[in-house]
PDB file of N, CA and C in Angstrom:
ATOM      1  N   MET A   1      93.803 120.039 110.829  1.00  0.00           N
ATOM      2  CA  MET A   1      92.435 119.793 111.606  1.00  0.00           C
ATOM      3  C   MET A   1      92.539 118.478 112.029  1.00  0.00           C
ATOM      4  N   PRO A   2      91.916 118.161 112.943  1.00  0.00           N
ATOM      5  CA  PRO A   2      91.869 116.710 113.855  1.00  0.00           C
ATOM      6  C   PRO A   2      91.366 115.032 113.210  1.00  0.00           C
ATOM      7  N   ARG A   3      92.165 114.072 113.301  1.00  0.00           N
ATOM      8  CA  ARG A   3      91.746 113.151 112.486  1.00  0.00           C
ATOM      9  C   ARG A   3      90.001 112.934 113.385  1.00  0.00           C
ATOM     10  N   VAL A   4      88.636 112.573 112.678  1.00  0.00           N
ATOM     11  CA  VAL A   4      87.692 111.704 113.338  1.00  0.00           C
ATOM     12  C   VAL A   4      87.435 110.536 112.507  1.00  0.00           C
ATOM     13  N   GLU A   5      86.423 109.699 113.840  1.00  0.00           N
ATOM     14  CA  GLU A   5      86.991 108.400 112.732  1.00  0.00           C
ATOM     15  C   GLU A   5      84.859 108.371 113.016  1.00  0.00           C
ATOM     16  N   ARG A   6      84.220 107.885 111.685  1.00  0.00           N
ATOM     17  CA  ARG A   6      82.740 107.710 111.426  1.00  0.00           C
ATOM     18  C   ARG A   6      82.480 106.624 110.973  1.00  0.00           C
ATOM     19  N   LYS A   7      81.607 106.172 111.811  1.00  0.00           N
ATOM     20  CA  LYS A   7      81.122 104.316 111.510  1.00  0.00           C
ATOM     21  C   LYS A   7      79.879 104.256 110.692  1.00  0.00           C
ATOM     22  N   VAL A   8      79.548 103.775 109.357  1.00  0.00           N
ATOM     23  CA  VAL A   8      78.816 103.662 108.824  1.00  0.00           C
ATOM     24  C   VAL A   8      77.934 101.756 108.629  1.00  0.00           C
ATOM     25  N   VAL A   9      77.120 101.609 108.913  1.00  0.00           N
ATOM     26  CA  VAL A   9      76.655 100.296 108.996  1.00  0.00           C
ATOM     27  C   VAL A   9      75.954 100.167 107.505  1.00  0.00           C
ATOM     28  N   SER A  10      76.013  99.335 106.537  1.00  0.00           N
ATOM     29  CA  SER A  10      75.737  99.382 104.838  1.00  0.00           C
ATOM     30  C   SER A  10      75.443  98.460 104.799  1.00  0.00           C
ATOM     31  N   GLY A  11      74.075  97.597 103.914  1.00  0.00           N
ATOM     32  CA  GLY A  11      73.095  96.478 103.734  1.00  0.00           C
ATOM     33  C   GLY A  11      74.050  96.229 102.069  1.00  0.00           C
ATOM     34  N   ILE A  12      74.759  96.945 101.683  1.00  0.00           N
ATOM     35  CA  ILE A  12      75.265  96.636 100.735  1.00  0.00           C
ATOM     36  C   ILE A  12      76.440  95.184 100.570  1.00  0.00           C
ATOM     37  N   TYR A  13      76.455  94.438 100.080  1.00  0.00           N
ATOM     38  CA  TYR A  13      77.563  93.298  99.738  1.00  0.00           C
ATOM     39  C   TYR A  13      78.881  93.748 100.028  1.00  0.00           C
ATOM     40  N   ARG A  14      79.519  93.182 100.802  1.00  0.00           N
ATOM     41  CA  ARG A  14      80.619  93.459 100.971  1.00  0.00           C
ATOM     42  C   ARG A  14      81.415  93.306 100.134  1.00  0.00           C
ATOM     43  N   THR A  15      81.347  92.195  98.908  1.00  0.00           N
ATOM     44  CA  THR A  15      82.223  92.691  97.802  1.00  0.00           C
ATOM     45  C   THR A  15      82.330  93.777  96.961  1.00  0.00           C
ATOM     46  N   TYR A  16      81.264  94.281  96.859  1.00  0.00           N
ATOM     47  CA  TYR A  16      80.724  95.320  96.317  1.00  0.00           C
ATOM     48  C   TYR A  16      81.511  96.697  96.999  1.00  0.00           C
ATOM     49  N   ILE A  17      81.375  96.809  98.018  1.00  0.00           N
ATOM     50  CA  ILE A  17      82.280  97.540  98.847  1.00  0.00           C
ATOM     51  C   ILE A  17      83.421  97.597  98.924  1.00  0.00           C
ATOM     52  N   ILE A  18      84.331  96.514  98.902  1.00  0.00           N
ATOM     53  CA  ILE A  18      85.540  96.167  98.777  1.00  0.00           C
ATOM     54  C   ILE A  18      86.089  96.664  97.167  1.00  0.00           C
ATOM     55  N   GLU A  19      85.259  96.453  96.161  1.00  0.00           N
ATOM     56  CA  GLU A  19      85.558  96.741  94.748  1.00  0.00           C
ATOM     57  C   GLU A  19      85.469  98.244  94.413  1.00  0.00           C
ATOM     58  N   TYR A  20      84.572  99.004  95.208  1.00  0.00           N
ATOM     59  CA  TYR A  20      84.444 100.571  95.329  1.00  0.00           C
ATOM     60  C   TYR A  20      85.622 101.068  95.753  1.00  0.00           C
ATOM     61  N   PHE A  21      86.003 100.584  97.419  1.00  0.00           N
ATOM     62  CA  PHE A  21      87.132 101.203  97.919  1.00  0.00           C
ATOM     63  C   PHE A  21      88.424 101.048  97.217  1.00  0.00           C
ATOM     64  N   THR A  22      88.475 100.071  96.336  1.00  0.00           N
ATOM     65  CA  THR A  22      89.985  99.219  95.757  1.00  0.00           C
ATOM     66  C   THR A  22      89.942 100.172  94.366  1.00  0.00           C
ATOM     67  N   SER A  23      88.847 100.764  94.063  1.00  0.00           N
ATOM     68  CA  SER A  23      88.942 101.396  92.797  1.00  0.00           C
ATOM     69  C   SER A  23      89.658 102.959  93.151  1.00  0.00           C
ATOM     70  N   ILE A  24      89.520 103.790  94.350  1.00  0.00           N
ATOM     71  CA  ILE A  24      89.548 104.936  94.806  1.00  0.00           C
ATOM     72  C   ILE A  24      91.456 104.721  96.116  1.00  0.00           C
ATOM     73  N   CYS A  25      91.795 103.548  96.139  1.00  0.00           N
ATOM     74  CA  CYS A  25      92.799 103.874  97.365  1.00  0.00           C
ATOM     75  C   CYS A  25      94.102 103.747  96.909  1.00  0.00           C
ATOM     76  N   SER A  26      94.547 103.997  97.646  1.00  0.00           N
ATOM     77  CA  SER A  26      96.329 104.191  96.945  1.00  0.00           C
ATOM     78  C   SER A  26      97.135 102.857  97.514  1.00  0.00           C
ATOM     79  N   SER A  27      96.592 102.328  98.475  1.00  0.00           N
ATOM     80  CA  SER A  27      96.789 101.052  98.476  1.00  0.00           C
ATOM     81  C   SER A  27      95.383  99.952  99.994  1.00  0.00           C
ATOM     82  N   TYR A  28      95.777  98.691  99.875  1.00  0.00           N
ATOM     83  CA  TYR A  28      94.859  97.782 100.028  1.00  0.00           C
ATOM     84  C   TYR A  28      95.471  96.641 100.674  1.00  0.00           C
ATOM     85  N   ASP A  29      95.526  96.080 101.719  1.00  0.00           N
ATOM     86  CA  ASP A  29      96.176  95.113 102.563  1.00  0.00           C
ATOM     87  C   ASP A  29      95.490  93.696 102.409  1.00  0.00           C
ATOM     88  N   GLY A  30      94.864  94.164 101.729  1.00  0.00           N
ATOM     89  CA  GLY A  30      93.208  92.457 101.327  1.00  0.00           C
ATOM     90  C   GLY A  30      92.779  91.748 102.564  1.00  0.00           C
ATOM     91  N   GLN A  31      92.702  92.386 103.451  1.00  0.00           N
ATOM     92  CA  GLN A  31      92.303  92.170 104.652  1.00  0.00           C
ATOM     93  C   GLN A  31      90.374  93.355 105.086  1.00  0.00           C
ATOM     94  N   GLY A  32      90.908  94.383 104.204  1.00  0.00           N
ATOM     95  CA  GLY A  32      89.807  95.145 104.224  1.00  0.00           C
ATOM     96  C   GLY A  32      89.978  96.821 104.925  1.00  0.00           C
ATOM     97  N   ASN A  33      91.529  97.055 104.615  1.00  0.00           N
ATOM     98  CA  ASN A  33      91.967  98.317 104.912  1.00  0.00           C
ATOM     99  C   ASN A  33      92.577  98.765 104.041  1.00  0.00           C
ATOM    100  N   PHE A  34      91.840 100.101 103.703  1.00  0.00           N
ATOM    101  CA  PHE A  34      92.269 100.729 102.657  1.00  0.00           C
ATOM    102  C   PHE A  34      93.028 102.264 103.054  1.00  0.00           C
ATOM    103  N   LYS A  35      94.104 102.350 102.498  1.00  0.00           N
ATOM    104  CA  LYS A  35      94.673 103.823 103.086  1.00  0.00           C
ATOM    105  C   LYS A  35      94.849 104.711 101.218  1.00  0.00           C
ATOM    106  N   GLY A  36      94.554 106.030 101.609  1.00  0.00           N
ATOM    107  CA  GLY A  36      94.527 107.234 100.583  1.00  0.00           C
ATOM    108  C   GLY A  36      94.899 108.182 100.801  1.00  0.00           C
ATOM    109  N   THR A  37      95.177 109.148 100.171  1.00  0.00           N
ATOM    110  CA  THR A  37      95.868 110.369 100.462  1.00  0.00           C
ATOM    111  C   THR A  37      94.727 111.099 101.780  1.00  0.00           C
ATOM    112  N   ASP A  38      95.800 111.177 102.786  1.00  0.00           N
ATOM    113  CA  ASP A  38      94.893 111.614 104.091  1.00  0.00           C
ATOM    114  C   ASP A  38      93.706 110.994 104.925  1.00  0.00           C
ATOM    115  N   TRP A  39      93.799 109.797 104.197  1.00  0.00           N
ATOM    116  CA  TRP A  39      92.192 109.526 104.607  1.00  0.00           C
ATOM    117  C   TRP A  39      92.745 107.194 104.811  1.00  0.00           C
ATOM    118  N   GLU A  40      91.796 106.953 105.829  1.00  0.00           N
ATOM    119  CA  GLU A  40      92.019 105.466 105.826  1.00  0.00           C
ATOM    120  C   GLU A  40      90.480 105.130 106.189  1.00  0.00           C
ATOM    121  N   VAL A  41      90.351 103.780 105.366  1.00  0.00           N
ATOM    122  CA  VAL A  41      89.000 103.213 105.912  1.00  0.00           C
ATOM    123  C   VAL A  41      88.864 101.683 106.211  1.00  0.00           C
ATOM    124  N   GLU A  42      88.247 101.375 107.004  1.00  0.00           N
ATOM    125  CA  GLU A  42      88.396  99.919 107.599  1.00  0.00           C
ATOM    126  C   GLU A  42      86.578  99.465 107.154  1.00  0.00           C
ATOM    127  N   VAL A  43      86.973  98.454 106.465  1.00  0.00           N
ATOM    128  CA  VAL A  43      85.598  97.839 105.899  1.00  0.00           C
ATOM    129  C   VAL A  43      85.642  96.287 106.768  1.00  0.00           C
ATOM    130  N   ALA A  44      84.673  95.898 107.859  1.00  0.00           N
ATOM    131  CA  ALA A  44      84.747  94.609 108.687  1.00  0.00           C
ATOM    132  C   ALA A  44      84.307  93.543 108.117  1.00  0.00           C
ATOM    133  N   LYS A  45      84.131  92.305 108.812  1.00  0.00           N
ATOM    134  CA  LYS A  45      83.836  91.012 107.753  1.00  0.00           C
ATOM    135  C   LYS A  45      82.150  91.447 107.834  1.00  0.00           C
ATOM    136  N   GLU A  46      81.334  90.977 106.834  1.00  0.00           N
ATOM    137  CA  GLU A  46      79.955  90.754 106.097  1.00  0.00           C
ATOM    138  C   GLU A  46      79.282  89.888 107.476  1.00  0.00           C
ATOM    139  N   GLU A  47      78.116  90.361 107.659  1.00  0.00           N
ATOM    140  CA  GLU A  47      77.083  89.584 108.545  1.00  0.00           C
ATOM    141  C   GLU A  47      75.786  89.731 108.049  1.00  0.00           C
ATOM    142  N   TYR A  48      75.074  89.360 108.811  1.00  0.00           N
ATOM    143  CA  TYR A  48      73.551  88.856 108.050  1.00  0.00           C
ATOM    144  C   TYR A  48      72.922  89.438 109.417  1.00  0.00           C
ATOM    145  N   ARG A  49      71.608  90.056 108.786  1.00  0.00           N
ATOM    146  CA  ARG A  49      70.261  90.406 110.202  1.00  0.00           C
ATOM    147  C   ARG A  49      69.365  89.807 109.272  1.00  0.00           C
ATOM    148  N   ARG A  50      68.640  88.975 109.827  1.00  0.00           N
ATOM    149  CA  ARG A  50      67.247  88.395 109.337  1.00  0.00           C
ATOM    150  C   ARG A  50      66.006  89.188 110.172  1.00  0.00           C
ATOM    151  N   LEU A  51      65.072  89.311 108.867  1.00  0.00           N
ATOM    152  CA  LEU A  51      63.724  90.048 109.124  1.00  0.00           C
ATOM    153  C   LEU A  51      62.855  89.328 108.329  1.00  0.00           C
ATOM    154  N   GLY A  52      62.379  88.535 109.555  1.00  0.00           N
ATOM    155  CA  GLY A  52      61.415  87.224 108.972  1.00  0.00           C
ATOM    156  C   GLY A  52      62.281  86.104 108.185  1.00  0.00           C
ATOM    157  N   SER A  53      61.907  85.946 107.346  1.00  0.00           N
ATOM    158  CA  SER A  53      62.324  84.988 106.243  1.00  0.00           C
ATOM    159  C   SER A  53      63.284  85.961 105.669  1.00  0.00           C
ATOM    160  N   ILE A  54      63.728  86.563 104.916  1.00  0.00           N
ATOM    161  CA  ILE A  54      64.841  87.827 104.551  1.00  0.00           C
ATOM    162  C   ILE A  54      65.906  87.481 105.263  1.00  0.00           C
ATOM    163  N   GLU A  55      66.800  87.606 104.723  1.00  0.00           N
ATOM    164  CA  GLU A  55      68.436  87.903 105.274  1.00  0.00           C
ATOM    165  C   GLU A  55      69.125  88.817 104.762  1.00  0.00           C
ATOM    166  N   LEU A  56      69.627  89.930 105.599  1.00  0.00           N
ATOM    167  CA  LEU A  56      70.265  91.067 104.721  1.00  0.00           C
ATOM    168  C   LEU A  56      71.460  91.495 105.268  1.00  0.00           C
ATOM    169  N   PRO A  57      72.547  91.526 104.176  1.00  0.00           N
ATOM    170  CA  PRO A  57      73.945  91.933 104.289  1.00  0.00           C
ATOM    171  C   PRO A  57      74.235  93.088 105.185  1.00  0.00           C
ATOM    172  N   SER A  58      75.098  92.700 106.496  1.00  0.00           N
ATOM    173  CA  SER A  58      75.311  94.421 107.018  1.00  0.00           C
ATOM    174  C   SER A  58      76.734  94.335 107.429  1.00  0.00           C
ATOM    175  N   THR A  59      77.181  95.304 106.738  1.00  0.00           N
ATOM    176  CA  THR A  59      78.972  95.604 106.849  1.00  0.00           C
ATOM    177  C   THR A  59      79.403  96.841 107.437  1.00  0.00           C
ATOM    178  N   LEU A  60      79.898  96.651 108.638  1.00  0.00           N
ATOM    179  CA  LEU A  60      80.733  97.800 109.620  1.00  0.00           C
ATOM    180  C   LEU A  60      81.380  98.504 108.576  1.00  0.00           C
ATOM    181  N   ILE A  61      81.165  99.802 108.271  1.00  0.00           N
ATOM    182  CA  ILE A  61      82.760 100.363 107.715  1.00  0.00           C
ATOM    183  C   ILE A  61      83.095 101.677 108.322  1.00  0.00           C
ATOM    184  N   LEU A  62      84.173 101.332 108.781  1.00  0.00           N
ATOM    185  CA  LEU A  62      84.930 103.040 109.792  1.00  0.00           C
ATOM    186  C   LEU A  62      85.676 103.794 108.866  1.00  0.00           C
ATOM    187  N   PHE A  63      85.314 105.054 108.378  1.00  0.00           N
ATOM    188  CA  PHE A  63      86.259 106.309 107.643  1.00  0.00           C
ATOM    189  C   PHE A  63      86.926 106.677 108.785  1.00  0.00           C
ATOM    190  N   ARG A  64      88.509 106.957 108.394  1.00  0.00           N
ATOM    191  CA  ARG A  64      88.905 108.090 109.374  1.00  0.00           C
ATOM    192  C   ARG A  64      89.944 109.040 108.485  1.00  0.00           C
ATOM    193  N   ALA A  65      89.638 110.316 108.811  1.00  0.00           N
ATOM    194  CA  ALA A  65      90.033 111.442 108.012  1.00  0.00           C
ATOM    195  C   ALA A  65      89.894 112.779 109.127  1.00  0.00           C
ATOM    196  N   ASN A  66      89.725 113.551 108.328  1.00  0.00           N
ATOM    197  CA  ASN A  66      89.510 114.982 108.918  1.00  0.00           C
ATOM    198  C   ASN A  66      88.535 115.272 108.627  1.00  0.00           C
ATOM    199  N   GLU A  67      87.300 115.417 109.382  1.00  0.00           N
ATOM    200  CA  GLU A  67      85.679 115.855 109.243  1.00  0.00           C
ATOM    201  C   GLU A  67      85.126 116.511 108.493  1.00  0.00           C
ATOM    202  N   ASP A  68      86.019 117.077 107.235  1.00  0.00           N
ATOM    203  CA  ASP A  68      85.587 118.056 106.154  1.00  0.00           C
ATOM    204  C   ASP A  68      85.407 116.300 105.185  1.00  0.00           C
ATOM    205  N   LEU A  69      86.942 116.056 105.264  1.00  0.00           N
ATOM    206  CA  LEU A  69      86.794 114.626 103.771  1.00  0.00           C
ATOM    207  C   LEU A  69      86.055 113.240 104.411  1.00  0.00           C
ATOM    208  N   VAL A  70      85.779 113.217 106.057  1.00  0.00           N
ATOM    209  CA  VAL A  70      85.241 112.276 106.234  1.00  0.00           C
ATOM    210  C   VAL A  70      83.484 112.203 105.396  1.00  0.00           C
ATOM    211  N   SER A  71      83.304 113.282 105.914  1.00  0.00           N
ATOM    212  CA  SER A  71      81.910 114.258 105.735  1.00  0.00           C
ATOM    213  C   SER A  71      82.034 113.693 103.735  1.00  0.00           C
ATOM    214  N   LYS A  72      82.743 114.039 103.207  1.00  0.00           N
ATOM    215  CA  LYS A  72      82.258 114.171 102.006  1.00  0.00           C
ATOM    216  C   LYS A  72      82.558 112.789 101.229  1.00  0.00           C
ATOM    217  N   MET A  73      83.359 111.959 101.735  1.00  0.00           N
ATOM    218  CA  MET A  73      83.641 110.092 101.653  1.00  0.00           C
ATOM    219  C   MET A  73      82.639 109.604 101.614  1.00  0.00           C
ATOM    220  N   VAL A  74      82.092 109.675 103.045  1.00  0.00           N
ATOM    221  CA  VAL A  74      80.744 109.027 103.376  1.00  0.00           C
ATOM    222  C   VAL A  74      78.893 109.752 102.309  1.00  0.00           C
ATOM    223  N   ASP A  75      79.138 110.861 102.004  1.00  0.00           N
ATOM    224  CA  ASP A  75      78.655 111.293 100.919  1.00  0.00           C
ATOM    225  C   ASP A  75      78.430 110.201  99.883  1.00  0.00           C
ATOM    226  N   ARG A  76      79.708 110.789  98.950  1.00  0.00           N
ATOM    227  CA  ARG A  76      80.120 109.913  97.840  1.00  0.00           C
ATOM    228  C   ARG A  76      79.781 108.175  97.952  1.00  0.00           C
ATOM    229  N   PHE A  77      79.898 107.974  99.101  1.00  0.00           N
ATOM    230  CA  PHE A  77      79.774 106.760  99.668  1.00  0.00           C
ATOM    231  C   PHE A  77      78.252 106.060  98.882  1.00  0.00           C
ATOM    232  N   ARG A  78      77.416 106.899 100.034  1.00  0.00           N
ATOM    233  CA  ARG A  78      76.510 106.665  99.719  1.00  0.00           C
ATOM    234  C   ARG A  78      75.847 107.386  98.638  1.00  0.00           C
ATOM    235  N   ILE A  79      75.813 108.157  97.812  1.00  0.00           N
ATOM    236  CA  ILE A  79      75.171 108.392  96.423  1.00  0.00           C
ATOM    237  C   ILE A  79      75.867 107.151  95.268  1.00  0.00           C
ATOM    238  N   LYS A  80      76.738 106.727  95.719  1.00  0.00           N
ATOM    239  CA  LYS A  80      77.622 105.661  94.919  1.00  0.00           C
ATOM    240  C   LYS A  80      76.528 104.431  94.767  1.00  0.00           C
ATOM    241  N   PHE A  81      76.317 104.157  95.984  1.00  0.00           N
ATOM    242  CA  PHE A  81      75.363 102.800  96.535  1.00  0.00           C
ATOM    243  C   PHE A  81      73.931 103.130  96.760  1.00  0.00           C
ATOM    244  N   LEU A  82      73.686 104.158  95.914  1.00  0.00           N
ATOM    245  CA  LEU A  82      71.970 104.853  96.152  1.00  0.00           C
ATOM    246  C   LEU A  82      70.826 103.784  95.526  1.00  0.00           C
ATOM    247  N   SER A  83      69.915 103.176  96.152  1.00  0.00           N
ATOM    248  CA  SER A  83      69.528 102.706  94.751  1.00  0.00           C
ATOM    249  C   SER A  83      68.158 103.095  95.670  1.00  0.00           C
ATOM    250  N   ALA A  84      67.015 102.278  94.581  1.00  0.00           N
ATOM    251  CA  ALA A  84      65.450 102.408  95.045  1.00  0.00           C
ATOM    252  C   ALA A  84      64.732 100.985  94.705  1.00  0.00           C
ATOM    253  N   GLY A  85      63.911 100.896  95.611  1.00  0.00           N
ATOM    254  CA  GLY A  85      63.057  99.105  95.294  1.00  0.00           C
ATOM    255  C   GLY A  85      61.984  99.884  94.519  1.00  0.00           C
ATOM    256  N   GLY A  86      61.569  98.925  93.943  1.00  0.00           N
ATOM    257  CA  GLY A  86      60.302  98.974  92.915  1.00  0.00           C
ATOM    258  C   GLY A  86      59.575  97.745  92.194  1.00  0.00           C
TER     259      GLY A  86
END
């Protein structure tokens, strides 16, 4: 199966994203690049978006693997950081 790349923009703080991928990867270069069995993830630098007086984190994440694995990884990532306001 060919490798694909999927971009996800996350509102989670980059430090939490780094912790998550560090826990599941087989190698990490300290710069935001992770490798596992048949997959790679690149976590970009954290930026902030302003909505009125509120600043929210915005981090681009690139998932690279075959289509099935990318879909599973994105789903697991989203479930890991699923939250509800209240």
